[in-house]
């Protein structure tokens, strides 16, 4: 059996108190066609994946910049970190809009951004935010992910008793669809992350 190794020597030491948030503004690419079980992620990435699956940490993963679905391939290669995080309850995929949207000036998906695709699991863990490269000269989903990571930390600082699972759900369920032009869950997932909405919960304390 062929095995692809992404050797990370040191596991992440997660705190047992407070909120753990990991920003993953990168991908782990190898030739497409392998099962995730054939991938040796090493201690570092193994601990990150396990944290997202167990609810130990919110893992915000840059969706990628190849204009394909999160679970798709580009030039014969796949991002196996994306594939490993699909369905993990505290993993969020971050896509990029060209700008921040509003109801009067709706945003569009950045041409380079990977999108949610047809997998309902990915759609339910996919958020988009504006990456205004014309203002910052910074482009890519690598700059969308830190925005959502920051939102997570802000929520954690306000709702100190909330779990990673609760905060992840709060961000996903309060996302806006009315600020996106031609909103489509297979493209935009749950919609544009909204910190103001996420800070006004019904159930979090």
N, C-alpha and C. Protein backbone atom coordinates (compact mmCIF):
# COMPACT_ATOMS: atom_id res chain seq x y z
N UNK A 1 0.84 -1.19 0.00
CA UNK A 1 0.00 0.00 0.00
C UNK A 1 0.87 1.24 0.00
N UNK A 2 0.62 2.16 -0.92
CA UNK A 2 1.36 3.41 -0.98
C UNK A 2 0.95 4.31 0.17
N UNK A 3 1.92 5.01 0.72
CA UNK A 3 1.65 5.91 1.83
C UNK A 3 2.37 7.23 1.56
N UNK A 4 1.66 8.32 1.72
CA UNK A 4 2.25 9.65 1.59
C UNK A 4 2.48 10.20 2.99
N UNK A 5 3.67 10.67 3.25
CA UNK A 5 3.99 11.18 4.60
C UNK A 5 4.19 12.69 4.59
N UNK A 6 3.47 13.37 5.48
CA UNK A 6 3.70 14.77 5.78
C UNK A 6 4.24 14.80 7.22
N UNK A 7 5.52 14.71 7.34
CA UNK A 7 6.13 14.51 8.66
C UNK A 7 6.22 15.81 9.45
N UNK A 8 5.41 15.89 10.48
CA UNK A 8 5.52 16.98 11.45
C UNK A 8 5.94 16.36 12.77
N UNK A 9 7.06 16.75 13.31
CA UNK A 9 7.65 16.03 14.44
C UNK A 9 6.92 16.27 15.75
N UNK A 10 6.48 17.49 15.98
CA UNK A 10 5.94 17.83 17.29
C UNK A 10 4.43 18.06 17.23
N UNK A 11 3.71 17.34 18.09
CA UNK A 11 2.27 17.54 18.20
C UNK A 11 1.99 18.91 18.81
N UNK A 12 0.82 19.45 18.50
CA UNK A 12 0.41 20.72 19.09
C UNK A 12 -0.05 20.48 20.52
N UNK A 13 0.45 21.30 21.44
CA UNK A 13 0.06 21.19 22.85
C UNK A 13 -1.14 22.12 23.08
N UNK A 14 -2.32 21.54 23.12
CA UNK A 14 -3.53 22.34 23.30
C UNK A 14 -3.80 22.58 24.78
N UNK A 15 -4.33 23.77 25.06
CA UNK A 15 -4.70 24.11 26.43
C UNK A 15 -5.93 23.31 26.85
N UNK A 16 -5.98 22.93 28.10
CA UNK A 16 -7.14 22.23 28.64
C UNK A 16 -8.18 23.19 29.20
N UNK A 17 -7.82 24.46 29.27
CA UNK A 17 -8.76 25.49 29.71
C UNK A 17 -8.78 26.59 28.65
N UNK A 18 -9.90 27.24 28.51
CA UNK A 18 -10.01 28.29 27.52
C UNK A 18 -10.22 27.72 26.12
N UNK A 19 -10.22 28.61 25.14
CA UNK A 19 -10.51 28.25 23.75
C UNK A 19 -9.24 28.10 22.94
N UNK A 20 -9.10 26.97 22.27
CA UNK A 20 -7.99 26.76 21.34
C UNK A 20 -8.46 27.07 19.92
N UNK A 21 -7.71 27.92 19.21
CA UNK A 21 -8.00 28.23 17.82
C UNK A 21 -6.72 28.06 17.02
N UNK A 22 -6.79 27.31 15.94
CA UNK A 22 -5.64 27.10 15.06
C UNK A 22 -5.97 27.68 13.69
N UNK A 23 -5.12 28.57 13.20
CA UNK A 23 -5.25 29.10 11.85
C UNK A 23 -4.32 28.30 10.93
N UNK A 24 -4.89 27.68 9.91
CA UNK A 24 -4.11 26.86 8.98
C UNK A 24 -4.18 27.50 7.59
N UNK A 25 -3.30 28.43 7.34
CA UNK A 25 -3.27 29.15 6.06
C UNK A 25 -2.31 28.48 5.09
N UNK A 26 -2.50 27.20 4.88
CA UNK A 26 -1.64 26.44 3.97
C UNK A 26 -2.35 25.16 3.58
N UNK A 27 -1.77 24.41 2.67
CA UNK A 27 -2.32 23.12 2.28
C UNK A 27 -1.25 22.05 2.29
N UNK A 28 -1.68 20.82 2.25
CA UNK A 28 -0.77 19.67 2.17
C UNK A 28 -1.12 18.91 0.89
N UNK A 29 -0.36 19.16 -0.15
CA UNK A 29 -0.69 18.66 -1.48
C UNK A 29 0.13 17.43 -1.86
N UNK A 30 -0.56 16.51 -2.51
CA UNK A 30 0.08 15.33 -3.11
C UNK A 30 -0.80 14.88 -4.27
N UNK A 31 -0.29 13.95 -5.04
CA UNK A 31 -1.02 13.46 -6.20
C UNK A 31 -2.40 12.96 -5.79
N UNK A 32 -3.40 13.30 -6.56
CA UNK A 32 -4.78 12.92 -6.26
C UNK A 32 -4.97 11.41 -6.38
N UNK A 33 -6.01 10.92 -5.70
CA UNK A 33 -6.39 9.52 -5.83
C UNK A 33 -6.14 8.66 -4.63
N UNK A 34 -5.47 9.21 -3.61
CA UNK A 34 -5.23 8.44 -2.40
C UNK A 34 -6.39 8.58 -1.43
N UNK A 35 -6.61 7.56 -0.62
CA UNK A 35 -7.54 7.64 0.48
C UNK A 35 -6.85 8.37 1.63
N UNK A 36 -7.62 9.14 2.38
CA UNK A 36 -7.02 9.87 3.51
C UNK A 36 -6.31 8.91 4.46
N UNK A 37 -6.80 7.68 4.57
CA UNK A 37 -6.17 6.69 5.46
C UNK A 37 -4.78 6.28 4.97
N UNK A 38 -4.45 6.61 3.73
CA UNK A 38 -3.13 6.31 3.20
C UNK A 38 -2.12 7.42 3.46
N UNK A 39 -2.58 8.48 4.11
CA UNK A 39 -1.74 9.63 4.36
C UNK A 39 -1.18 9.57 5.77
N UNK A 40 0.13 9.66 5.89
CA UNK A 40 0.76 9.77 7.20
C UNK A 40 0.96 11.23 7.54
N UNK A 41 0.11 11.77 8.39
CA UNK A 41 0.13 13.21 8.65
C UNK A 41 1.19 13.63 9.66
N UNK A 42 1.81 12.69 10.35
CA UNK A 42 2.79 13.05 11.36
C UNK A 42 2.13 13.60 12.61
N UNK A 43 2.94 13.83 13.63
CA UNK A 43 2.41 14.26 14.93
C UNK A 43 1.74 15.63 14.86
N UNK A 44 2.37 16.56 14.15
CA UNK A 44 1.85 17.92 14.10
C UNK A 44 0.47 17.96 13.46
N UNK A 45 0.36 17.45 12.25
CA UNK A 45 -0.91 17.53 11.55
C UNK A 45 -1.92 16.53 12.09
N UNK A 46 -1.43 15.41 12.60
CA UNK A 46 -2.34 14.46 13.23
C UNK A 46 -3.03 15.07 14.44
N UNK A 47 -2.28 15.83 15.24
CA UNK A 47 -2.89 16.46 16.41
C UNK A 47 -3.88 17.55 16.01
N UNK A 48 -3.59 18.25 14.92
CA UNK A 48 -4.50 19.28 14.43
C UNK A 48 -5.81 18.66 13.95
N UNK A 49 -5.71 17.60 13.17
CA UNK A 49 -6.90 16.92 12.65
C UNK A 49 -7.71 16.32 13.79
N UNK A 50 -7.05 15.68 14.73
CA UNK A 50 -7.76 15.07 15.87
C UNK A 50 -8.45 16.13 16.71
N UNK A 51 -7.83 17.31 16.84
CA UNK A 51 -8.45 18.38 17.62
C UNK A 51 -9.74 18.86 16.97
N UNK A 52 -9.74 18.95 15.64
CA UNK A 52 -10.95 19.37 14.93
C UNK A 52 -12.03 18.31 15.01
N UNK A 53 -11.65 17.06 15.04
CA UNK A 53 -12.63 15.98 15.11
C UNK A 53 -13.19 15.79 16.52
N UNK A 54 -12.37 16.09 17.52
CA UNK A 54 -12.79 15.87 18.91
C UNK A 54 -13.37 17.12 19.56
N UNK A 55 -13.29 18.26 18.88
CA UNK A 55 -13.77 19.51 19.48
C UNK A 55 -12.80 20.14 20.45
N UNK A 56 -11.55 19.72 20.41
CA UNK A 56 -10.53 20.30 21.29
C UNK A 56 -10.14 21.70 20.84
N UNK A 57 -10.23 21.98 19.55
CA UNK A 57 -9.84 23.28 19.01
C UNK A 57 -10.66 23.60 17.77
N UNK A 58 -10.87 24.89 17.54
CA UNK A 58 -11.40 25.35 16.27
C UNK A 58 -10.24 25.42 15.29
N UNK A 59 -10.35 24.75 14.18
CA UNK A 59 -9.32 24.77 13.15
C UNK A 59 -9.89 25.47 11.93
N UNK A 60 -9.34 26.63 11.61
CA UNK A 60 -9.79 27.39 10.45
C UNK A 60 -8.80 27.15 9.32
N UNK A 61 -9.28 26.51 8.27
CA UNK A 61 -8.42 26.06 7.17
C UNK A 61 -8.69 26.91 5.92
N UNK A 62 -7.65 27.51 5.38
CA UNK A 62 -7.77 28.21 4.11
C UNK A 62 -8.24 27.21 3.05
N UNK A 63 -9.32 27.55 2.36
CA UNK A 63 -9.93 26.62 1.41
C UNK A 63 -9.01 26.29 0.25
N UNK A 64 -8.17 27.24 -0.15
CA UNK A 64 -7.28 27.04 -1.27
C UNK A 64 -7.55 28.04 -2.38
N UNK A 65 -6.62 28.19 -3.29
CA UNK A 65 -6.66 29.26 -4.29
C UNK A 65 -6.62 28.75 -5.73
N UNK A 66 -7.25 27.60 -5.97
CA UNK A 66 -7.22 27.00 -7.30
C UNK A 66 -8.57 27.04 -8.01
N UNK A 67 -9.54 27.73 -7.43
CA UNK A 67 -10.89 27.86 -8.01
C UNK A 67 -11.53 26.50 -8.26
N UNK A 68 -11.33 25.57 -7.32
CA UNK A 68 -11.97 24.25 -7.39
C UNK A 68 -12.69 24.00 -6.08
N UNK A 69 -13.51 22.96 -6.04
CA UNK A 69 -14.18 22.58 -4.79
C UNK A 69 -13.15 22.16 -3.75
N UNK A 70 -13.50 22.33 -2.48
CA UNK A 70 -12.60 21.98 -1.38
C UNK A 70 -12.09 20.54 -1.51
N UNK A 71 -12.97 19.64 -1.95
CA UNK A 71 -12.56 18.24 -2.08
C UNK A 71 -12.11 17.89 -3.50
N UNK A 72 -11.87 18.91 -4.32
CA UNK A 72 -11.46 18.68 -5.69
C UNK A 72 -9.95 18.61 -5.85
N UNK A 73 -9.52 18.55 -7.10
CA UNK A 73 -8.09 18.50 -7.39
C UNK A 73 -7.74 19.56 -8.41
N UNK A 74 -6.46 19.91 -8.44
CA UNK A 74 -5.95 20.90 -9.39
C UNK A 74 -4.63 20.41 -9.94
N UNK A 75 -4.55 20.35 -11.23
CA UNK A 75 -3.34 19.87 -11.91
C UNK A 75 -2.91 18.50 -11.38
N UNK A 76 -3.91 17.67 -11.06
CA UNK A 76 -3.62 16.31 -10.63
C UNK A 76 -3.26 16.16 -9.17
N UNK A 77 -3.37 17.23 -8.39
CA UNK A 77 -3.02 17.19 -6.97
C UNK A 77 -4.21 17.57 -6.10
N UNK A 78 -4.24 17.03 -4.90
CA UNK A 78 -5.29 17.33 -3.92
C UNK A 78 -4.67 17.82 -2.63
N UNK A 79 -5.44 18.65 -1.92
CA UNK A 79 -5.03 19.12 -0.60
C UNK A 79 -5.58 18.12 0.42
N UNK A 80 -4.69 17.27 0.92
CA UNK A 80 -5.14 16.20 1.81
C UNK A 80 -5.47 16.69 3.21
N UNK A 81 -5.02 17.86 3.58
CA UNK A 81 -5.46 18.42 4.86
C UNK A 81 -6.93 18.83 4.75
N UNK A 82 -7.31 19.42 3.62
CA UNK A 82 -8.73 19.69 3.38
C UNK A 82 -9.55 18.41 3.51
N UNK A 83 -9.12 17.37 2.83
CA UNK A 83 -9.88 16.12 2.81
C UNK A 83 -10.01 15.52 4.21
N UNK A 84 -8.96 15.63 5.01
CA UNK A 84 -8.98 15.06 6.35
C UNK A 84 -9.90 15.81 7.29
N UNK A 85 -10.16 17.09 7.00
CA UNK A 85 -10.98 17.92 7.90
C UNK A 85 -12.46 17.93 7.52
N UNK A 86 -12.81 17.31 6.41
CA UNK A 86 -14.22 17.28 6.01
C UNK A 86 -15.04 16.52 7.05
N UNK A 87 -16.07 17.17 7.55
CA UNK A 87 -16.95 16.55 8.54
C UNK A 87 -16.50 16.74 9.98
N UNK A 88 -15.31 17.30 10.20
CA UNK A 88 -14.85 17.53 11.57
C UNK A 88 -15.68 18.65 12.19
N UNK A 89 -16.25 18.45 13.37
CA UNK A 89 -17.24 19.40 13.91
C UNK A 89 -16.70 20.78 14.24
N UNK A 90 -15.39 20.92 14.47
CA UNK A 90 -14.87 22.25 14.76
C UNK A 90 -13.84 22.69 13.73
N UNK A 91 -13.98 22.20 12.51
CA UNK A 91 -13.17 22.70 11.38
C UNK A 91 -14.04 23.61 10.53
N UNK A 92 -13.47 24.74 10.13
CA UNK A 92 -14.13 25.69 9.24
C UNK A 92 -13.23 25.91 8.04
N UNK A 93 -13.80 25.80 6.85
CA UNK A 93 -13.07 26.14 5.63
C UNK A 93 -13.35 27.60 5.30
N UNK A 94 -12.28 28.35 4.98
CA UNK A 94 -12.41 29.78 4.73
C UNK A 94 -12.18 30.08 3.25
N UNK A 95 -13.22 30.61 2.61
CA UNK A 95 -13.12 31.07 1.24
C UNK A 95 -13.07 32.58 1.19
N UNK A 96 -12.74 33.13 0.02
CA UNK A 96 -12.52 34.57 -0.09
C UNK A 96 -13.52 35.22 -1.03
N UNK A 97 -14.09 36.32 -0.57
CA UNK A 97 -14.86 37.23 -1.41
C UNK A 97 -13.95 38.37 -1.86
N UNK A 98 -14.33 39.06 -2.94
CA UNK A 98 -13.52 40.17 -3.42
C UNK A 98 -13.55 41.37 -2.48
N UNK A 99 -14.61 41.45 -1.69
CA UNK A 99 -14.79 42.56 -0.77
C UNK A 99 -15.77 42.14 0.30
N UNK A 100 -15.91 42.94 1.34
CA UNK A 100 -16.96 42.70 2.32
C UNK A 100 -18.30 43.08 1.70
N UNK A 101 -19.30 42.24 1.93
CA UNK A 101 -20.59 42.48 1.32
C UNK A 101 -21.54 43.26 2.21
N UNK A 102 -22.56 43.83 1.59
CA UNK A 102 -23.66 44.46 2.32
C UNK A 102 -24.93 44.20 1.51
N UNK A 103 -26.07 44.52 2.08
CA UNK A 103 -27.31 44.26 1.36
C UNK A 103 -27.48 45.20 0.16
N UNK A 104 -26.79 46.34 0.19
CA UNK A 104 -26.88 47.28 -0.93
C UNK A 104 -25.72 47.16 -1.90
N UNK A 105 -24.65 46.53 -1.48
CA UNK A 105 -23.48 46.31 -2.34
C UNK A 105 -22.97 44.90 -2.09
N UNK A 106 -23.57 43.96 -2.80
CA UNK A 106 -23.29 42.55 -2.53
C UNK A 106 -21.92 42.13 -3.06
N UNK A 107 -21.30 41.22 -2.32
CA UNK A 107 -19.96 40.75 -2.66
C UNK A 107 -20.02 39.58 -3.62
N UNK A 108 -18.93 39.37 -4.33
CA UNK A 108 -18.80 38.22 -5.21
C UNK A 108 -17.59 37.39 -4.80
N UNK A 109 -17.63 36.13 -5.15
CA UNK A 109 -16.52 35.23 -4.83
C UNK A 109 -15.27 35.68 -5.58
N UNK A 110 -14.14 35.65 -4.89
CA UNK A 110 -12.87 35.95 -5.56
C UNK A 110 -12.60 34.87 -6.61
N UNK A 111 -12.11 35.27 -7.76
CA UNK A 111 -11.94 34.35 -8.88
C UNK A 111 -11.02 33.18 -8.55
N UNK A 112 -10.07 33.39 -7.64
CA UNK A 112 -9.09 32.36 -7.30
C UNK A 112 -9.59 31.41 -6.21
N UNK A 113 -10.59 31.82 -5.45
CA UNK A 113 -10.94 31.08 -4.23
C UNK A 113 -11.54 29.71 -4.53
N UNK A 114 -11.09 28.70 -3.80
CA UNK A 114 -11.81 27.44 -3.80
C UNK A 114 -13.19 27.66 -3.21
N UNK A 115 -14.11 26.79 -3.57
CA UNK A 115 -15.50 26.94 -3.13
C UNK A 115 -15.97 25.66 -2.45
N UNK A 116 -17.18 25.69 -1.91
CA UNK A 116 -17.64 24.58 -1.08
C UNK A 116 -17.81 23.28 -1.86
N UNK A 117 -18.43 23.35 -3.03
CA UNK A 117 -18.69 22.13 -3.80
C UNK A 117 -19.99 21.47 -3.39
N UNK A 118 -20.23 20.28 -3.90
CA UNK A 118 -21.51 19.60 -3.73
C UNK A 118 -21.61 18.74 -2.47
N UNK A 119 -20.51 18.57 -1.75
CA UNK A 119 -20.54 17.78 -0.52
C UNK A 119 -21.23 18.60 0.58
N UNK A 120 -22.38 18.13 1.04
CA UNK A 120 -23.15 18.88 2.03
C UNK A 120 -22.36 19.08 3.31
N UNK A 121 -21.46 18.15 3.64
CA UNK A 121 -20.64 18.32 4.84
C UNK A 121 -19.75 19.54 4.71
N UNK A 122 -19.15 19.72 3.56
CA UNK A 122 -18.29 20.89 3.34
C UNK A 122 -19.13 22.16 3.34
N UNK A 123 -20.26 22.15 2.69
CA UNK A 123 -21.13 23.33 2.67
C UNK A 123 -21.47 23.78 4.09
N UNK A 124 -21.66 22.83 4.99
CA UNK A 124 -22.04 23.14 6.36
C UNK A 124 -20.88 23.59 7.23
N UNK A 125 -19.64 23.58 6.68
CA UNK A 125 -18.51 24.06 7.46
C UNK A 125 -17.67 25.06 6.66
N UNK A 126 -18.32 25.72 5.70
CA UNK A 126 -17.63 26.64 4.80
C UNK A 126 -18.16 28.05 5.00
N UNK A 127 -17.25 29.01 5.22
CA UNK A 127 -17.58 30.42 5.36
C UNK A 127 -16.73 31.24 4.40
N UNK A 128 -17.26 32.39 4.01
CA UNK A 128 -16.48 33.32 3.19
C UNK A 128 -16.38 34.67 3.90
N UNK A 129 -15.30 35.38 3.61
CA UNK A 129 -15.11 36.75 4.11
C UNK A 129 -14.40 37.56 3.03
N UNK A 130 -14.52 38.87 3.13
CA UNK A 130 -13.89 39.74 2.16
C UNK A 130 -12.38 39.80 2.35
N UNK A 131 -11.66 39.66 1.25
CA UNK A 131 -10.21 39.87 1.22
C UNK A 131 -9.97 40.98 0.20
N UNK A 132 -9.81 42.19 0.69
CA UNK A 132 -9.78 43.36 -0.17
C UNK A 132 -8.35 43.67 -0.62
N UNK A 133 -7.88 42.88 -1.58
CA UNK A 133 -6.51 43.01 -2.05
C UNK A 133 -6.21 44.35 -2.69
N UNK A 134 -7.24 45.00 -3.24
CA UNK A 134 -7.02 46.32 -3.84
C UNK A 134 -6.62 47.36 -2.79
N UNK A 135 -6.95 47.08 -1.53
CA UNK A 135 -6.60 48.00 -0.44
C UNK A 135 -5.34 47.57 0.30
N UNK A 136 -5.14 46.25 0.40
CA UNK A 136 -4.04 45.73 1.23
C UNK A 136 -2.91 45.10 0.42
N UNK A 137 -3.18 44.83 -0.86
CA UNK A 137 -2.26 44.09 -1.72
C UNK A 137 -2.03 42.67 -1.21
N UNK A 138 -2.97 42.17 -0.43
CA UNK A 138 -2.93 40.80 0.07
C UNK A 138 -4.12 40.05 -0.52
N UNK A 139 -3.83 38.93 -1.14
CA UNK A 139 -4.86 38.13 -1.77
C UNK A 139 -4.77 36.69 -1.29
N UNK A 140 -5.84 35.95 -1.46
CA UNK A 140 -5.82 34.52 -1.18
C UNK A 140 -6.62 34.13 0.04
N UNK A 141 -7.02 32.86 0.06
CA UNK A 141 -7.75 32.36 1.21
C UNK A 141 -6.87 32.28 2.45
N UNK A 142 -5.56 32.36 2.26
CA UNK A 142 -4.65 32.43 3.42
C UNK A 142 -4.88 33.69 4.23
N UNK A 143 -5.51 34.69 3.63
CA UNK A 143 -5.82 35.92 4.36
C UNK A 143 -7.29 35.97 4.77
N UNK A 144 -8.09 35.03 4.25
CA UNK A 144 -9.46 34.88 4.73
C UNK A 144 -9.49 34.11 6.05
N UNK A 145 -8.67 33.07 6.12
CA UNK A 145 -8.66 32.22 7.32
C UNK A 145 -8.34 32.99 8.61
N UNK A 146 -7.34 33.88 8.62
CA UNK A 146 -7.06 34.59 9.88
C UNK A 146 -8.19 35.49 10.34
N UNK A 147 -8.98 35.98 9.39
CA UNK A 147 -10.13 36.81 9.78
C UNK A 147 -11.13 35.98 10.57
N UNK A 148 -11.42 34.79 10.07
CA UNK A 148 -12.37 33.92 10.77
C UNK A 148 -11.77 33.40 12.07
N UNK A 149 -10.46 33.13 12.08
CA UNK A 149 -9.79 32.76 13.33
C UNK A 149 -9.93 33.86 14.36
N UNK A 150 -9.77 35.10 13.90
CA UNK A 150 -9.92 36.24 14.81
C UNK A 150 -11.33 36.36 15.35
N UNK A 151 -12.32 36.14 14.48
CA UNK A 151 -13.70 36.15 14.95
C UNK A 151 -13.91 35.11 16.05
N UNK A 152 -13.33 33.93 15.85
CA UNK A 152 -13.45 32.86 16.85
C UNK A 152 -12.90 33.30 18.20
N UNK A 153 -11.75 33.96 18.17
CA UNK A 153 -11.12 34.40 19.41
C UNK A 153 -11.94 35.49 20.08
N UNK A 154 -12.51 36.39 19.29
CA UNK A 154 -13.36 37.44 19.87
C UNK A 154 -14.56 36.80 20.57
N UNK A 155 -15.19 35.85 19.91
CA UNK A 155 -16.32 35.16 20.54
C UNK A 155 -15.89 34.45 21.82
N UNK A 156 -14.72 33.80 21.77
CA UNK A 156 -14.22 33.10 22.95
C UNK A 156 -13.94 34.03 24.11
N UNK A 157 -13.52 35.26 23.80
CA UNK A 157 -13.24 36.23 24.87
C UNK A 157 -14.52 36.77 25.50
N UNK A 158 -15.62 36.75 24.73
CA UNK A 158 -16.89 37.22 25.28
C UNK A 158 -17.65 36.08 25.96
N UNK A 159 -17.70 34.94 25.29
CA UNK A 159 -18.47 33.80 25.82
C UNK A 159 -17.47 32.78 26.39
N UNK A 160 -16.99 33.09 27.57
CA UNK A 160 -15.86 32.34 28.12
C UNK A 160 -16.21 30.91 28.51
N UNK A 161 -17.48 30.61 28.64
CA UNK A 161 -17.88 29.25 29.01
C UNK A 161 -18.26 28.41 27.79
N UNK A 162 -18.27 29.03 26.63
CA UNK A 162 -18.67 28.32 25.42
C UNK A 162 -17.56 27.38 24.95
N UNK A 163 -17.95 26.26 24.41
CA UNK A 163 -16.99 25.28 23.89
C UNK A 163 -16.62 25.64 22.45
N UNK A 164 -15.58 24.99 21.97
CA UNK A 164 -15.18 25.18 20.58
C UNK A 164 -16.30 24.78 19.63
N UNK A 165 -17.02 23.74 19.97
CA UNK A 165 -18.13 23.29 19.14
C UNK A 165 -19.23 24.35 19.10
N UNK A 166 -19.55 24.94 20.24
CA UNK A 166 -20.59 25.96 20.29
C UNK A 166 -20.20 27.21 19.51
N UNK A 167 -18.95 27.63 19.63
CA UNK A 167 -18.51 28.83 18.93
C UNK A 167 -18.46 28.58 17.43
N UNK A 168 -18.00 27.42 17.02
CA UNK A 168 -18.00 27.07 15.60
C UNK A 168 -19.42 27.13 15.04
N UNK A 169 -20.35 26.51 15.75
CA UNK A 169 -21.75 26.51 15.31
C UNK A 169 -22.29 27.93 15.25
N UNK A 170 -21.93 28.75 16.22
CA UNK A 170 -22.40 30.13 16.24
C UNK A 170 -21.94 30.90 15.01
N UNK A 171 -20.70 30.75 14.64
CA UNK A 171 -20.18 31.43 13.44
C UNK A 171 -20.89 30.94 12.18
N UNK A 172 -21.11 29.64 12.10
CA UNK A 172 -21.71 29.07 10.89
C UNK A 172 -23.20 29.43 10.77
N UNK A 173 -23.92 29.40 11.87
CA UNK A 173 -25.37 29.63 11.81
C UNK A 173 -25.74 31.10 11.73
N UNK A 174 -24.81 31.99 12.02
CA UNK A 174 -25.10 33.43 11.93
C UNK A 174 -24.53 34.05 10.67
N UNK A 175 -23.96 33.25 9.78
CA UNK A 175 -23.41 33.79 8.53
C UNK A 175 -24.53 34.41 7.69
N UNK A 176 -24.16 35.39 6.88
CA UNK A 176 -25.13 36.12 6.07
C UNK A 176 -25.13 35.59 4.64
N UNK A 177 -26.31 35.43 4.09
CA UNK A 177 -26.44 35.08 2.69
C UNK A 177 -26.95 36.26 1.87
N UNK A 178 -27.48 37.27 2.54
CA UNK A 178 -28.08 38.43 1.85
C UNK A 178 -27.05 39.47 1.45
N UNK A 179 -25.79 39.24 1.75
CA UNK A 179 -24.72 40.17 1.37
C UNK A 179 -23.89 39.64 0.21
N UNK A 180 -24.31 38.50 -0.35
CA UNK A 180 -23.56 37.83 -1.41
C UNK A 180 -24.38 37.81 -2.70
N UNK A 181 -23.78 38.23 -3.78
CA UNK A 181 -24.46 38.21 -5.06
C UNK A 181 -24.65 36.77 -5.52
N UNK A 182 -25.89 36.44 -5.87
CA UNK A 182 -26.22 35.09 -6.36
C UNK A 182 -25.75 34.00 -5.38
N UNK A 183 -26.09 34.19 -4.12
CA UNK A 183 -25.68 33.21 -3.10
C UNK A 183 -26.07 31.79 -3.52
N UNK A 184 -25.11 30.88 -3.34
CA UNK A 184 -25.31 29.47 -3.67
C UNK A 184 -24.53 28.64 -2.65
N UNK A 185 -25.17 27.75 -1.90
CA UNK A 185 -24.44 26.99 -0.89
C UNK A 185 -23.31 26.13 -1.45
N UNK A 186 -23.41 25.71 -2.71
CA UNK A 186 -22.34 24.92 -3.29
C UNK A 186 -21.12 25.78 -3.63
N UNK A 187 -21.30 27.09 -3.63
CA UNK A 187 -20.19 28.02 -3.83
C UNK A 187 -19.77 28.64 -2.51
N UNK A 188 -20.73 29.22 -1.81
CA UNK A 188 -20.45 30.06 -0.64
C UNK A 188 -20.66 29.35 0.69
N UNK A 189 -21.06 28.09 0.68
CA UNK A 189 -21.29 27.37 1.92
C UNK A 189 -22.39 28.02 2.75
N UNK A 190 -22.09 28.32 4.00
CA UNK A 190 -23.09 28.92 4.89
C UNK A 190 -23.23 30.42 4.67
N UNK A 191 -22.26 31.04 3.96
CA UNK A 191 -22.37 32.45 3.66
C UNK A 191 -21.21 33.26 4.23
N UNK A 192 -21.42 34.57 4.29
CA UNK A 192 -20.39 35.49 4.76
C UNK A 192 -20.39 35.57 6.28
N UNK A 193 -19.25 35.28 6.88
CA UNK A 193 -19.14 35.32 8.33
C UNK A 193 -19.47 36.72 8.83
N UNK A 194 -20.25 36.78 9.91
CA UNK A 194 -20.67 38.06 10.47
C UNK A 194 -20.35 38.09 11.96
N UNK A 195 -19.35 38.86 12.31
CA UNK A 195 -18.99 38.95 13.72
C UNK A 195 -20.10 39.60 14.53
N UNK A 196 -20.73 40.64 13.99
CA UNK A 196 -21.78 41.33 14.74
C UNK A 196 -22.95 40.40 15.03
N UNK A 197 -23.34 39.58 14.08
CA UNK A 197 -24.41 38.62 14.33
C UNK A 197 -23.98 37.55 15.32
N UNK A 198 -22.76 37.09 15.18
CA UNK A 198 -22.28 36.02 16.06
C UNK A 198 -22.17 36.50 17.50
N UNK A 199 -21.98 37.79 17.70
CA UNK A 199 -21.87 38.34 19.06
C UNK A 199 -23.23 38.60 19.70
N UNK A 200 -24.29 38.31 18.98
CA UNK A 200 -25.64 38.54 19.52
C UNK A 200 -26.41 37.23 19.54
N UNK A 201 -25.96 36.27 20.35
CA UNK A 201 -26.56 34.94 20.32
C UNK A 201 -27.81 34.84 21.20
N UNK A 202 -28.53 33.80 20.95
CA UNK A 202 -29.69 33.49 21.77
C UNK A 202 -29.30 32.57 22.92
N UNK A 203 -28.39 31.64 22.65
CA UNK A 203 -28.13 30.58 23.62
C UNK A 203 -26.76 30.66 24.28
N UNK A 204 -25.77 31.26 23.64
CA UNK A 204 -24.43 31.29 24.24
C UNK A 204 -24.39 32.22 25.43
N UNK A 205 -23.55 31.86 26.41
CA UNK A 205 -23.36 32.71 27.59
C UNK A 205 -21.89 32.82 27.91
